[in-house]
Amino acid sequence: PATGELVLDGQPLRAFSRRAIARRIAVVAQEAELRFPVTVFEFVLGGR
């Protein structure tokens, strides 16, 4: 953001690493970007 603040669990979001954010915030995009073929099981497992 150009101005204002984002706060996650009482701390600024910018203080978290990308992996720490991924453990706390999950995103469902409009379309999956697939650069190589994976099975549905492998794709979903990747969320872990």
ModelCIF file with pLDDT and N, C-alpha, C, O atoms, coordinates in Angstrom:
data_MODEL
#
_entry.id   MODEL 
#
_entity.id                         1 
_entity.type                       polymer 
_entity.pdbx_number_of_molecules   1 
#
_entity_poly.entity_id                      1 
_entity_poly.type                           'polypeptide(L)' 
_entity_poly.nstd_linkage                   no 
_entity_poly.nstd_monomer                   no 
_entity_poly.pdbx_seq_one_letter_code       PATGELVLDGQPLRAFSRRAIARRIAVVAQEAELRFPVTVFEFVLGGR 
_entity_poly.pdbx_seq_one_letter_code_can   PATGELVLDGQPLRAFSRRAIARRIAVVAQEAELRFPVTVFEFVLGGR 
_entity_poly.pdbx_strand_id                 A 
#
loop_
_entity_poly_seq.entity_id 
_entity_poly_seq.num 
_entity_poly_seq.mon_id 
_entity_poly_seq.hetero 
1 1  PRO n 
1 2  ALA n 
1 3  THR n 
1 4  GLY n 
1 5  GLU n 
1 6  LEU n 
1 7  VAL n 
1 8  LEU n 
1 9  ASP n 
1 10 GLY n 
1 11 GLN n 
1 12 PRO n 
1 13 LEU n 
1 14 ARG n 
1 15 ALA n 
1 16 PHE n 
1 17 SER n 
1 18 ARG n 
1 19 ARG n 
1 20 ALA n 
1 21 ILE n 
1 22 ALA n 
1 23 ARG n 
1 24 ARG n 
1 25 ILE n 
1 26 ALA n 
1 27 VAL n 
1 28 VAL n 
1 29 ALA n 
1 30 GLN n 
1 31 GLU n 
1 32 ALA n 
1 33 GLU n 
1 34 LEU n 
1 35 ARG n 
1 36 PHE n 
1 37 PRO n 
1 38 VAL n 
1 39 THR n 
1 40 VAL n 
1 41 PHE n 
1 42 GLU n 
1 43 PHE n 
1 44 VAL n 
1 45 LEU n 
1 46 GLY n 
1 47 GLY n 
1 48 ARG n 
#
_struct_asym.id          A 
_struct_asym.entity_id   1 
#
loop_
_ma_qa_metric.id 
_ma_qa_metric.mode 
_ma_qa_metric.name 
_ma_qa_metric.software_group_id 
_ma_qa_metric.type 
1 global pLDDT . pLDDT 
2 local  pLDDT . pLDDT 
#
_ma_qa_metric_global.metric_id      1 
_ma_qa_metric_global.metric_value   88.42 
_ma_qa_metric_global.model_id       1 
_ma_qa_metric_global.ordinal_id     1 
#
loop_
_ma_qa_metric_local.label_asym_id 
_ma_qa_metric_local.label_comp_id 
_ma_qa_metric_local.label_seq_id 
_ma_qa_metric_local.metric_id 
_ma_qa_metric_local.metric_value 
_ma_qa_metric_local.model_id 
_ma_qa_metric_local.ordinal_id 
A PRO 1  2 95.00 1 1  
A ALA 2  2 95.00 1 2  
A THR 3  2 96.00 1 3  
A GLY 4  2 97.00 1 4  
A GLU 5  2 96.00 1 5  
A LEU 6  2 97.00 1 6  
A VAL 7  2 97.00 1 7  
A LEU 8  2 95.00 1 8  
A ASP 9  2 92.00 1 9  
A GLY 10 2 92.00 1 10 
A GLN 11 2 95.00 1 11 
A PRO 12 2 95.00 1 12 
A LEU 13 2 94.00 1 13 
A ARG 14 2 91.00 1 14 
A ALA 15 2 93.00 1 15 
A PHE 16 2 93.00 1 16 
A SER 17 2 90.00 1 17 
A ARG 18 2 88.00 1 18 
A ARG 19 2 88.00 1 19 
A ALA 20 2 91.00 1 20 
A ILE 21 2 93.00 1 21 
A ALA 22 2 90.00 1 22 
A ARG 23 2 90.00 1 23 
A ARG 24 2 94.00 1 24 
A ILE 25 2 96.00 1 25 
A ALA 26 2 94.00 1 26 
A VAL 27 2 91.00 1 27 
A VAL 28 2 88.00 1 28 
A ALA 29 2 80.00 1 29 
A GLN 30 2 68.00 1 30 
A GLU 31 2 61.00 1 31 
A ALA 32 2 59.00 1 32 
A GLU 33 2 62.00 1 33 
A LEU 34 2 66.00 1 34 
A ARG 35 2 61.00 1 35 
A PHE 36 2 69.00 1 36 
A PRO 37 2 85.00 1 37 
A VAL 38 2 92.00 1 38 
A THR 39 2 95.00 1 39 
A VAL 40 2 95.00 1 40 
A PHE 41 2 96.00 1 41 
A GLU 42 2 94.00 1 42 
A PHE 43 2 94.00 1 43 
A VAL 44 2 95.00 1 44 
A LEU 45 2 94.00 1 45 
A GLY 46 2 91.00 1 46 
A GLY 47 2 91.00 1 47 
A ARG 48 2 90.00 1 48 
#
loop_
_atom_site.group_PDB 
_atom_site.id 
_atom_site.type_symbol 
_atom_site.label_atom_id 
_atom_site.label_alt_id 
_atom_site.label_comp_id 
_atom_site.label_asym_id 
_atom_site.label_entity_id 
_atom_site.label_seq_id 
_atom_site.pdbx_PDB_ins_code 
_atom_site.Cartn_x 
_atom_site.Cartn_y 
_atom_site.Cartn_z 
_atom_site.occupancy 
_atom_site.B_iso_or_equiv 
_atom_site.pdbx_formal_charge 
_atom_site.auth_seq_id 
_atom_site.auth_comp_id 
_atom_site.auth_asym_id 
_atom_site.auth_atom_id 
_atom_site.pdbx_PDB_model_num 
ATOM 1   N N  . PRO A 1 1  ? 0.823  -1.206  0.000   1.00 95.00 ? 1  PRO A N  1 
ATOM 2   C CA . PRO A 1 1  ? 0.000  0.000   0.000   1.00 95.00 ? 1  PRO A CA 1 
ATOM 3   C C  . PRO A 1 1  ? 0.857  1.255   0.000   1.00 95.00 ? 1  PRO A C  1 
ATOM 4   O O  . PRO A 1 1  ? 1.924  1.292   0.613   1.00 95.00 ? 1  PRO A O  1 
ATOM 5   N N  . ALA A 1 2  ? 0.382  2.280   -0.692  1.00 95.00 ? 2  ALA A N  1 
ATOM 6   C CA . ALA A 1 2  ? 1.086  3.560   -0.703  1.00 95.00 ? 2  ALA A CA 1 
ATOM 7   C C  . ALA A 1 2  ? 0.949  4.263   0.636   1.00 95.00 ? 2  ALA A C  1 
ATOM 8   O O  . ALA A 1 2  ? 1.876  4.934   1.091   1.00 95.00 ? 2  ALA A O  1 
ATOM 9   N N  . THR A 1 3  ? -0.196 4.111   1.260   1.00 96.00 ? 3  THR A N  1 
ATOM 10  C CA . THR A 1 3  ? -0.435 4.661   2.596   1.00 96.00 ? 3  THR A CA 1 
ATOM 11  C C  . THR A 1 3  ? -1.250 3.648   3.388   1.00 96.00 ? 3  THR A C  1 
ATOM 12  O O  . THR A 1 3  ? -1.843 2.736   2.813   1.00 96.00 ? 3  THR A O  1 
ATOM 13  N N  . GLY A 1 4  ? -1.278 3.809   4.699   1.00 97.00 ? 4  GLY A N  1 
ATOM 14  C CA . GLY A 1 4  ? -2.028 2.903   5.551   1.00 97.00 ? 4  GLY A CA 1 
ATOM 15  C C  . GLY A 1 4  ? -1.200 1.709   5.982   1.00 97.00 ? 4  GLY A C  1 
ATOM 16  O O  . GLY A 1 4  ? -0.012 1.621   5.671   1.00 97.00 ? 4  GLY A O  1 
ATOM 17  N N  . GLU A 1 5  ? -1.825 0.799   6.694   1.00 96.00 ? 5  GLU A N  1 
ATOM 18  C CA . GLU A 1 5  ? -1.124 -0.345  7.269   1.00 96.00 ? 5  GLU A CA 1 
ATOM 19  C C  . GLU A 1 5  ? -1.970 -1.599  7.170   1.00 96.00 ? 5  GLU A C  1 
ATOM 20  O O  . GLU A 1 5  ? -3.193 -1.559  7.302   1.00 96.00 ? 5  GLU A O  1 
ATOM 21  N N  . LEU A 1 6  ? -1.279 -2.736  6.928   1.00 97.00 ? 6  LEU A N  1 
ATOM 22  C CA . LEU A 1 6  ? -1.889 -4.053  6.989   1.00 97.00 ? 6  LEU A CA 1 
ATOM 23  C C  . LEU A 1 6  ? -1.394 -4.749  8.242   1.00 97.00 ? 6  LEU A C  1 
ATOM 24  O O  . LEU A 1 6  ? -0.196 -4.759  8.525   1.00 97.00 ? 6  LEU A O  1 
ATOM 25  N N  . VAL A 1 7  ? -2.327 -5.335  8.997   1.00 97.00 ? 7  VAL A N  1 
ATOM 26  C CA . VAL A 1 7  ? -1.989 -5.953  10.275  1.00 97.00 ? 7  VAL A CA 1 
ATOM 27  C C  . VAL A 1 7  ? -2.520 -7.380  10.282  1.00 97.00 ? 7  VAL A C  1 
ATOM 28  O O  . VAL A 1 7  ? -3.697 -7.616  10.012  1.00 97.00 ? 7  VAL A O  1 
ATOM 29  N N  . LEU A 1 8  ? -1.638 -8.331  10.595  1.00 95.00 ? 8  LEU A N  1 
ATOM 30  C CA . LEU A 1 8  ? -1.999 -9.744  10.672  1.00 95.00 ? 8  LEU A CA 1 
ATOM 31  C C  . LEU A 1 8  ? -1.698 -10.249 12.072  1.00 95.00 ? 8  LEU A C  1 
ATOM 32  O O  . LEU A 1 8  ? -0.554 -10.205 12.526  1.00 95.00 ? 8  LEU A O  1 
ATOM 33  N N  . ASP A 1 9  ? -2.723 -10.726 12.749  1.00 92.00 ? 9  ASP A N  1 
ATOM 34  C CA . ASP A 1 9  ? -2.570 -11.244 14.118  1.00 92.00 ? 9  ASP A CA 1 
ATOM 35  C C  . ASP A 1 9  ? -1.815 -10.268 15.013  1.00 92.00 ? 9  ASP A C  1 
ATOM 36  O O  . ASP A 1 9  ? -0.967 -10.659 15.815  1.00 92.00 ? 9  ASP A O  1 
ATOM 37  N N  . GLY A 1 10 ? -2.147 -8.988  14.856  1.00 92.00 ? 10 GLY A N  1 
ATOM 38  C CA . GLY A 1 10 ? -1.590 -7.964  15.737  1.00 92.00 ? 10 GLY A CA 1 
ATOM 39  C C  . GLY A 1 10 ? -0.235 -7.422  15.334  1.00 92.00 ? 10 GLY A C  1 
ATOM 40  O O  . GLY A 1 10 ? 0.303  -6.556  16.023  1.00 92.00 ? 10 GLY A O  1 
ATOM 41  N N  . GLN A 1 11 ? 0.341  -7.909  14.226  1.00 95.00 ? 11 GLN A N  1 
ATOM 42  C CA . GLN A 1 11 ? 1.652  -7.443  13.771  1.00 95.00 ? 11 GLN A CA 1 
ATOM 43  C C  . GLN A 1 11 ? 1.558  -6.940  12.339  1.00 95.00 ? 11 GLN A C  1 
ATOM 44  O O  . GLN A 1 11 ? 0.711  -7.402  11.575  1.00 95.00 ? 11 GLN A O  1 
ATOM 45  N N  . PRO A 1 12 ? 2.431  -5.984  11.960  1.00 95.00 ? 12 PRO A N  1 
ATOM 46  C CA . PRO A 1 12 ? 2.414  -5.516  10.570  1.00 95.00 ? 12 PRO A CA 1 
ATOM 47  C C  . PRO A 1 12 ? 2.672  -6.671  9.605   1.00 95.00 ? 12 PRO A C  1 
ATOM 48  O O  . PRO A 1 12 ? 3.557  -7.494  9.838   1.00 95.00 ? 12 PRO A O  1 
ATOM 49  N N  . LEU A 1 13 ? 1.909  -6.731  8.537   1.00 94.00 ? 13 LEU A N  1 
ATOM 50  C CA . LEU A 1 13 ? 2.073  -7.816  7.568   1.00 94.00 ? 13 LEU A CA 1 
ATOM 51  C C  . LEU A 1 13 ? 3.479  -7.818  6.985   1.00 94.00 ? 13 LEU A C  1 
ATOM 52  O O  . LEU A 1 13 ? 4.012  -8.885  6.680   1.00 94.00 ? 13 LEU A O  1 
ATOM 53  N N  . ARG A 1 14 ? 4.086  -6.655  6.823   1.00 91.00 ? 14 ARG A N  1 
ATOM 54  C CA . ARG A 1 14 ? 5.431  -6.578  6.239   1.00 91.00 ? 14 ARG A CA 1 
ATOM 55  C C  . ARG A 1 14 ? 6.492  -7.223  7.120   1.00 91.00 ? 14 ARG A C  1 
ATOM 56  O O  . ARG A 1 14 ? 7.610  -7.464  6.663   1.00 91.00 ? 14 ARG A O  1 
ATOM 57  N N  . ALA A 1 15 ? 6.156  -7.509  8.384   1.00 93.00 ? 15 ALA A N  1 
ATOM 58  C CA . ALA A 1 15 ? 7.118  -8.145  9.286   1.00 93.00 ? 15 ALA A CA 1 
ATOM 59  C C  . ALA A 1 15 ? 7.195  -9.654  9.082   1.00 93.00 ? 15 ALA A C  1 
ATOM 60  O O  . ALA A 1 15 ? 8.096  -10.300 9.616   1.00 93.00 ? 15 ALA A O  1 
ATOM 61  N N  . PHE A 1 16 ? 6.252  -10.231 8.309   1.00 93.00 ? 16 PHE A N  1 
ATOM 62  C CA . PHE A 1 16 ? 6.205  -11.673 8.101   1.00 93.00 ? 16 PHE A CA 1 
ATOM 63  C C  . PHE A 1 16 ? 6.960  -12.055 6.834   1.00 93.00 ? 16 PHE A C  1 
ATOM 64  O O  . PHE A 1 16 ? 6.959  -11.308 5.855   1.00 93.00 ? 16 PHE A O  1 
ATOM 65  N N  . SER A 1 17 ? 7.606  -13.222 6.853   1.00 90.00 ? 17 SER A N  1 
ATOM 66  C CA . SER A 1 17 ? 8.202  -13.772 5.643   1.00 90.00 ? 17 SER A CA 1 
ATOM 67  C C  . SER A 1 17 ? 7.095  -14.294 4.731   1.00 90.00 ? 17 SER A C  1 
ATOM 68  O O  . SER A 1 17 ? 5.953  -14.460 5.160   1.00 90.00 ? 17 SER A O  1 
ATOM 69  N N  . ARG A 1 18 ? 7.445  -14.554 3.457   1.00 88.00 ? 18 ARG A N  1 
ATOM 70  C CA . ARG A 1 18 ? 6.447  -15.083 2.534   1.00 88.00 ? 18 ARG A CA 1 
ATOM 71  C C  . ARG A 1 18 ? 5.932  -16.439 2.995   1.00 88.00 ? 18 ARG A C  1 
ATOM 72  O O  . ARG A 1 18 ? 4.742  -16.723 2.858   1.00 88.00 ? 18 ARG A O  1 
ATOM 73  N N  . ARG A 1 19 ? 6.802  -17.278 3.538   1.00 88.00 ? 19 ARG A N  1 
ATOM 74  C CA . ARG A 1 19 ? 6.345  -18.590 4.009   1.00 88.00 ? 19 ARG A CA 1 
ATOM 75  C C  . ARG A 1 19 ? 5.418  -18.433 5.207   1.00 88.00 ? 19 ARG A C  1 
ATOM 76  O O  . ARG A 1 19 ? 4.417  -19.142 5.312   1.00 88.00 ? 19 ARG A O  1 
ATOM 77  N N  . ALA A 1 20 ? 5.738  -17.520 6.104   1.00 91.00 ? 20 ALA A N  1 
ATOM 78  C CA . ALA A 1 20 ? 4.880  -17.289 7.266   1.00 91.00 ? 20 ALA A CA 1 
ATOM 79  C C  . ALA A 1 20 ? 3.510  -16.772 6.831   1.00 91.00 ? 20 ALA A C  1 
ATOM 80  O O  . ALA A 1 20 ? 2.490  -17.146 7.412   1.00 91.00 ? 20 ALA A O  1 
ATOM 81  N N  . ILE A 1 21 ? 3.485  -15.913 5.810   1.00 93.00 ? 21 ILE A N  1 
ATOM 82  C CA . ILE A 1 21 ? 2.202  -15.426 5.291   1.00 93.00 ? 21 ILE A CA 1 
ATOM 83  C C  . ILE A 1 21 ? 1.423  -16.580 4.674   1.00 93.00 ? 21 ILE A C  1 
ATOM 84  O O  . ILE A 1 21 ? 0.210  -16.682 4.863   1.00 93.00 ? 21 ILE A O  1 
ATOM 85  N N  . ALA A 1 22 ? 2.117  -17.457 3.932   1.00 90.00 ? 22 ALA A N  1 
ATOM 86  C CA . ALA A 1 22 ? 1.448  -18.578 3.273   1.00 90.00 ? 22 ALA A CA 1 
ATOM 87  C C  . ALA A 1 22 ? 0.827  -19.547 4.275   1.00 90.00 ? 22 ALA A C  1 
ATOM 88  O O  . ALA A 1 22 ? -0.142 -20.232 3.949   1.00 90.00 ? 22 ALA A O  1 
ATOM 89  N N  . ARG A 1 23 ? 1.367  -19.611 5.477   1.00 90.00 ? 23 ARG A N  1 
ATOM 90  C CA . ARG A 1 23 ? 0.783  -20.469 6.504   1.00 90.00 ? 23 ARG A CA 1 
ATOM 91  C C  . ARG A 1 23 ? -0.486 -19.872 7.097   1.00 90.00 ? 23 ARG A C  1 
ATOM 92  O O  . ARG A 1 23 ? -1.320 -20.590 7.648   1.00 90.00 ? 23 ARG A O  1 
ATOM 93  N N  . ARG A 1 24 ? -0.627 -18.567 6.981   1.00 94.00 ? 24 ARG A N  1 
ATOM 94  C CA . ARG A 1 24 ? -1.741 -17.871 7.618   1.00 94.00 ? 24 ARG A CA 1 
ATOM 95  C C  . ARG A 1 24 ? -2.798 -17.382 6.643   1.00 94.00 ? 24 ARG A C  1 
ATOM 96  O O  . ARG A 1 24 ? -3.963 -17.225 7.009   1.00 94.00 ? 24 ARG A O  1 
ATOM 97  N N  . ILE A 1 25 ? -2.390 -17.140 5.389   1.00 96.00 ? 25 ILE A N  1 
ATOM 98  C CA . ILE A 1 25 ? -3.305 -16.598 4.382   1.00 96.00 ? 25 ILE A CA 1 
ATOM 99  C C  . ILE A 1 25 ? -3.240 -17.483 3.143   1.00 96.00 ? 25 ILE A C  1 
ATOM 100 O O  . ILE A 1 25 ? -2.162 -17.713 2.595   1.00 96.00 ? 25 ILE A O  1 
ATOM 101 N N  . ALA A 1 26 ? -4.390 -17.976 2.704   1.00 94.00 ? 26 ALA A N  1 
ATOM 102 C CA . ALA A 1 26 ? -4.467 -18.793 1.491   1.00 94.00 ? 26 ALA A CA 1 
ATOM 103 C C  . ALA A 1 26 ? -5.292 -18.053 0.455   1.00 94.00 ? 26 ALA A C  1 
ATOM 104 O O  . ALA A 1 26 ? -6.300 -17.424 0.778   1.00 94.00 ? 26 ALA A O  1 
ATOM 105 N N  . VAL A 1 27 ? -4.850 -18.135 -0.804  1.00 91.00 ? 27 VAL A N  1 
ATOM 106 C CA . VAL A 1 27 ? -5.483 -17.383 -1.884  1.00 91.00 ? 27 VAL A CA 1 
ATOM 107 C C  . VAL A 1 27 ? -6.097 -18.342 -2.899  1.00 91.00 ? 27 VAL A C  1 
ATOM 108 O O  . VAL A 1 27 ? -5.481 -19.335 -3.288  1.00 91.00 ? 27 VAL A O  1 
ATOM 109 N N  . VAL A 1 28 ? -7.306 -18.031 -3.315  1.00 88.00 ? 28 VAL A N  1 
ATOM 110 C CA . VAL A 1 28 ? -7.953 -18.739 -4.424  1.00 88.00 ? 28 VAL A CA 1 
ATOM 111 C C  . VAL A 1 28 ? -8.035 -17.756 -5.582  1.00 88.00 ? 28 VAL A C  1 
ATOM 112 O O  . VAL A 1 28 ? -8.860 -16.843 -5.572  1.00 88.00 ? 28 VAL A O  1 
ATOM 113 N N  . ALA A 1 29 ? -7.175 -17.944 -6.583  1.00 80.00 ? 29 ALA A N  1 
ATOM 114 C CA . ALA A 1 29 ? -7.167 -17.065 -7.743  1.00 80.00 ? 29 ALA A CA 1 
ATOM 115 C C  . ALA A 1 29 ? -8.233 -17.507 -8.743  1.00 80.00 ? 29 ALA A C  1 
ATOM 116 O O  . ALA A 1 29 ? -8.811 -18.586 -8.614  1.00 80.00 ? 29 ALA A O  1 
ATOM 117 N N  . GLN A 1 30 ? -8.485 -16.658 -9.745  1.00 68.00 ? 30 GLN A N  1 
ATOM 118 C CA . GLN A 1 30 ? -9.515 -16.989 -10.730 1.00 68.00 ? 30 GLN A CA 1 
ATOM 119 C C  . GLN A 1 30 ? -9.123 -18.176 -11.593 1.00 68.00 ? 30 GLN A C  1 
ATOM 120 O O  . GLN A 1 30 ? -9.991 -18.929 -12.034 1.00 68.00 ? 30 GLN A O  1 
ATOM 121 N N  . GLU A 1 31 ? -7.837 -18.356 -11.840 1.00 61.00 ? 31 GLU A N  1 
ATOM 122 C CA . GLU A 1 31 ? -7.388 -19.445 -12.713 1.00 61.00 ? 31 GLU A CA 1 
ATOM 123 C C  . GLU A 1 31 ? -6.014 -19.892 -12.270 1.00 61.00 ? 31 GLU A C  1 
ATOM 124 O O  . GLU A 1 31 ? -5.144 -19.064 -12.002 1.00 61.00 ? 31 GLU A O  1 
ATOM 125 N N  . ALA A 1 32 ? -5.808 -21.208 -12.189 1.00 59.00 ? 32 ALA A N  1 
ATOM 126 C CA . ALA A 1 32 ? -4.512 -21.740 -11.785 1.00 59.00 ? 32 ALA A CA 1 
ATOM 127 C C  . ALA A 1 32 ? -3.499 -21.551 -12.905 1.00 59.00 ? 32 ALA A C  1 
ATOM 128 O O  . ALA A 1 32 ? -3.796 -21.796 -14.074 1.00 59.00 ? 32 ALA A O  1 
ATOM 129 N N  . GLU A 1 33 ? -2.297 -21.110 -12.533 1.00 62.00 ? 33 GLU A N  1 
ATOM 130 C CA . GLU A 1 33 ? -1.210 -20.980 -13.497 1.00 62.00 ? 33 GLU A CA 1 
ATOM 131 C C  . GLU A 1 33 ? -0.374 -22.253 -13.443 1.00 62.00 ? 33 GLU A C  1 
ATOM 132 O O  . GLU A 1 33 ? 0.236  -22.555 -12.417 1.00 62.00 ? 33 GLU A O  1 
ATOM 133 N N  . LEU A 1 34 ? -0.344 -22.991 -14.536 1.00 66.00 ? 34 LEU A N  1 
ATOM 134 C CA . LEU A 1 34 ? 0.339  -24.279 -14.573 1.00 66.00 ? 34 LEU A CA 1 
ATOM 135 C C  . LEU A 1 34 ? 1.461  -24.238 -15.605 1.00 66.00 ? 34 LEU A C  1 
ATOM 136 O O  . LEU A 1 34 ? 1.207  -24.190 -16.809 1.00 66.00 ? 34 LEU A O  1 
ATOM 137 N N  . ARG A 1 35 ? 2.680  -24.256 -15.133 1.00 61.00 ? 35 ARG A N  1 
ATOM 138 C CA . ARG A 1 35 ? 3.822  -24.215 -16.043 1.00 61.00 ? 35 ARG A CA 1 
ATOM 139 C C  . ARG A 1 35 ? 4.265  -25.611 -16.458 1.00 61.00 ? 35 ARG A C  1 
ATOM 140 O O  . ARG A 1 35 ? 4.970  -25.770 -17.455 1.00 61.00 ? 35 ARG A O  1 
ATOM 141 N N  . PHE A 1 36 ? 3.861  -26.606 -15.712 1.00 69.00 ? 36 PHE A N  1 
ATOM 142 C CA . PHE A 1 36 ? 4.157  -27.984 -16.088 1.00 69.00 ? 36 PHE A CA 1 
ATOM 143 C C  . PHE A 1 36 ? 3.029  -28.858 -15.563 1.00 69.00 ? 36 PHE A C  1 
ATOM 144 O O  . PHE A 1 36 ? 2.386  -28.505 -14.574 1.00 69.00 ? 36 PHE A O  1 
ATOM 145 N N  . PRO A 1 37 ? 2.778  -29.997 -16.211 1.00 85.00 ? 37 PRO A N  1 
ATOM 146 C CA . PRO A 1 37 ? 1.626  -30.815 -15.828 1.00 85.00 ? 37 PRO A CA 1 
ATOM 147 C C  . PRO A 1 37 ? 1.823  -31.514 -14.484 1.00 85.00 ? 37 PRO A C  1 
ATOM 148 O O  . PRO A 1 37 ? 2.856  -32.137 -14.240 1.00 85.00 ? 37 PRO A O  1 
ATOM 149 N N  . VAL A 1 38 ? 0.836  -31.402 -13.635 1.00 92.00 ? 38 VAL A N  1 
ATOM 150 C CA . VAL A 1 38 ? 0.806  -32.121 -12.363 1.00 92.00 ? 38 VAL A CA 1 
ATOM 151 C C  . VAL A 1 38 ? -0.579 -32.712 -12.207 1.00 92.00 ? 38 VAL A C  1 
ATOM 152 O O  . VAL A 1 38 ? -1.536 -32.218 -12.802 1.00 92.00 ? 38 VAL A O  1 
ATOM 153 N N  . THR A 1 39 ? -0.697 -33.756 -11.421 1.00 95.00 ? 39 THR A N  1 
ATOM 154 C CA . THR A 1 39 ? -2.011 -34.325 -11.165 1.00 95.00 ? 39 THR A CA 1 
ATOM 155 C C  . THR A 1 39 ? -2.775 -33.447 -10.180 1.00 95.00 ? 39 THR A C  1 
ATOM 156 O O  . THR A 1 39 ? -2.193 -32.613 -9.486  1.00 95.00 ? 39 THR A O  1 
ATOM 157 N N  . VAL A 1 40 ? -4.074 -33.650 -10.136 1.00 95.00 ? 40 VAL A N  1 
ATOM 158 C CA . VAL A 1 40 ? -4.906 -32.915 -9.190  1.00 95.00 ? 40 VAL A CA 1 
ATOM 159 C C  . VAL A 1 40 ? -4.431 -33.174 -7.763  1.00 95.00 ? 40 VAL A C  1 
ATOM 160 O O  . VAL A 1 40 ? -4.362 -32.250 -6.953  1.00 95.00 ? 40 VAL A O  1 
ATOM 161 N N  . PHE A 1 41 ? -4.101 -34.432 -7.455  1.00 96.00 ? 41 PHE A N  1 
ATOM 162 C CA . PHE A 1 41 ? -3.627 -34.757 -6.103  1.00 96.00 ? 41 PHE A CA 1 
ATOM 163 C C  . PHE A 1 41 ? -2.342 -33.995 -5.793  1.00 96.00 ? 41 PHE A C  1 
ATOM 164 O O  . PHE A 1 41 ? -2.212 -33.419 -4.713  1.00 96.00 ? 41 PHE A O  1 
ATOM 165 N N  . GLU A 1 42 ? -1.403 -33.987 -6.717  1.00 94.00 ? 42 GLU A N  1 
ATOM 166 C CA . GLU A 1 42 ? -0.124 -33.300 -6.487  1.00 94.00 ? 42 GLU A CA 1 
ATOM 167 C C  . GLU A 1 42 ? -0.326 -31.795 -6.337  1.00 94.00 ? 42 GLU A C  1 
ATOM 168 O O  . GLU A 1 42 ? 0.319  -31.149 -5.512  1.00 94.00 ? 42 GLU A O  1 
ATOM 169 N N  . PHE A 1 43 ? -1.234 -31.247 -7.149  1.00 94.00 ? 43 PHE A N  1 
ATOM 170 C CA . PHE A 1 43 ? -1.503 -29.814 -7.081  1.00 94.00 ? 43 PHE A CA 1 
ATOM 171 C C  . PHE A 1 43 ? -2.068 -29.428 -5.720  1.00 94.00 ? 43 PHE A C  1 
ATOM 172 O O  . PHE A 1 43 ? -1.617 -28.459 -5.109  1.00 94.00 ? 43 PHE A O  1 
ATOM 173 N N  . VAL A 1 44 ? -3.050 -30.181 -5.247  1.00 95.00 ? 44 VAL A N  1 
ATOM 174 C CA . VAL A 1 44 ? -3.659 -29.877 -3.948  1.00 95.00 ? 44 VAL A CA 1 
ATOM 175 C C  . VAL A 1 44 ? -2.656 -30.121 -2.820  1.00 95.00 ? 44 VAL A C  1 
ATOM 176 O O  . VAL A 1 44 ? -2.568 -29.323 -1.887  1.00 95.00 ? 44 VAL A O  1 
ATOM 177 N N  . LEU A 1 45 ? -1.914 -31.198 -2.897  1.00 94.00 ? 45 LEU A N  1 
ATOM 178 C CA . LEU A 1 45 ? -0.889 -31.488 -1.890  1.00 94.00 ? 45 LEU A CA 1 
ATOM 179 C C  . LEU A 1 45 ? 0.116  -30.348 -1.780  1.00 94.00 ? 45 LEU A C  1 
ATOM 180 O O  . LEU A 1 45 ? 0.652  -30.097 -0.701  1.00 94.00 ? 45 LEU A O  1 
ATOM 181 N N  . GLY A 1 46 ? 0.375  -29.656 -2.886  1.00 91.00 ? 46 GLY A N  1 
ATOM 182 C CA . GLY A 1 46 ? 1.309  -28.539 -2.869  1.00 91.00 ? 46 GLY A CA 1 
ATOM 183 C C  . GLY A 1 46 ? 0.912  -27.426 -1.924  1.00 91.00 ? 46 GLY A C  1 
ATOM 184 O O  . GLY A 1 46 ? 1.753  -26.617 -1.531  1.00 91.00 ? 46 GLY A O  1 
ATOM 185 N N  . GLY A 1 47 ? -0.373 -27.372 -1.547  1.00 91.00 ? 47 GLY A N  1 
ATOM 186 C CA . GLY A 1 47 ? -0.809 -26.381 -0.581  1.00 91.00 ? 47 GLY A CA 1 
ATOM 187 C C  . GLY A 1 47 ? -0.217 -26.591 0.802   1.00 91.00 ? 47 GLY A C  1 
ATOM 188 O O  . GLY A 1 47 ? -0.237 -25.680 1.630   1.00 91.00 ? 47 GLY A O  1 
ATOM 189 N N  . ARG A 1 48 ? 0.308  -27.780 1.060   1.00 90.00 ? 48 ARG A N  1 
ATOM 190 C CA . ARG A 1 48 ? 0.926  -28.074 2.359   1.00 90.00 ? 48 ARG A CA 1 
ATOM 191 C C  . ARG A 1 48 ? 2.406  -27.678 2.408   1.00 90.00 ? 48 ARG A C  1 
ATOM 192 O O  . ARG A 1 48 ? 3.061  -27.863 3.433   1.00 90.00 ? 48 ARG A O  1 
#
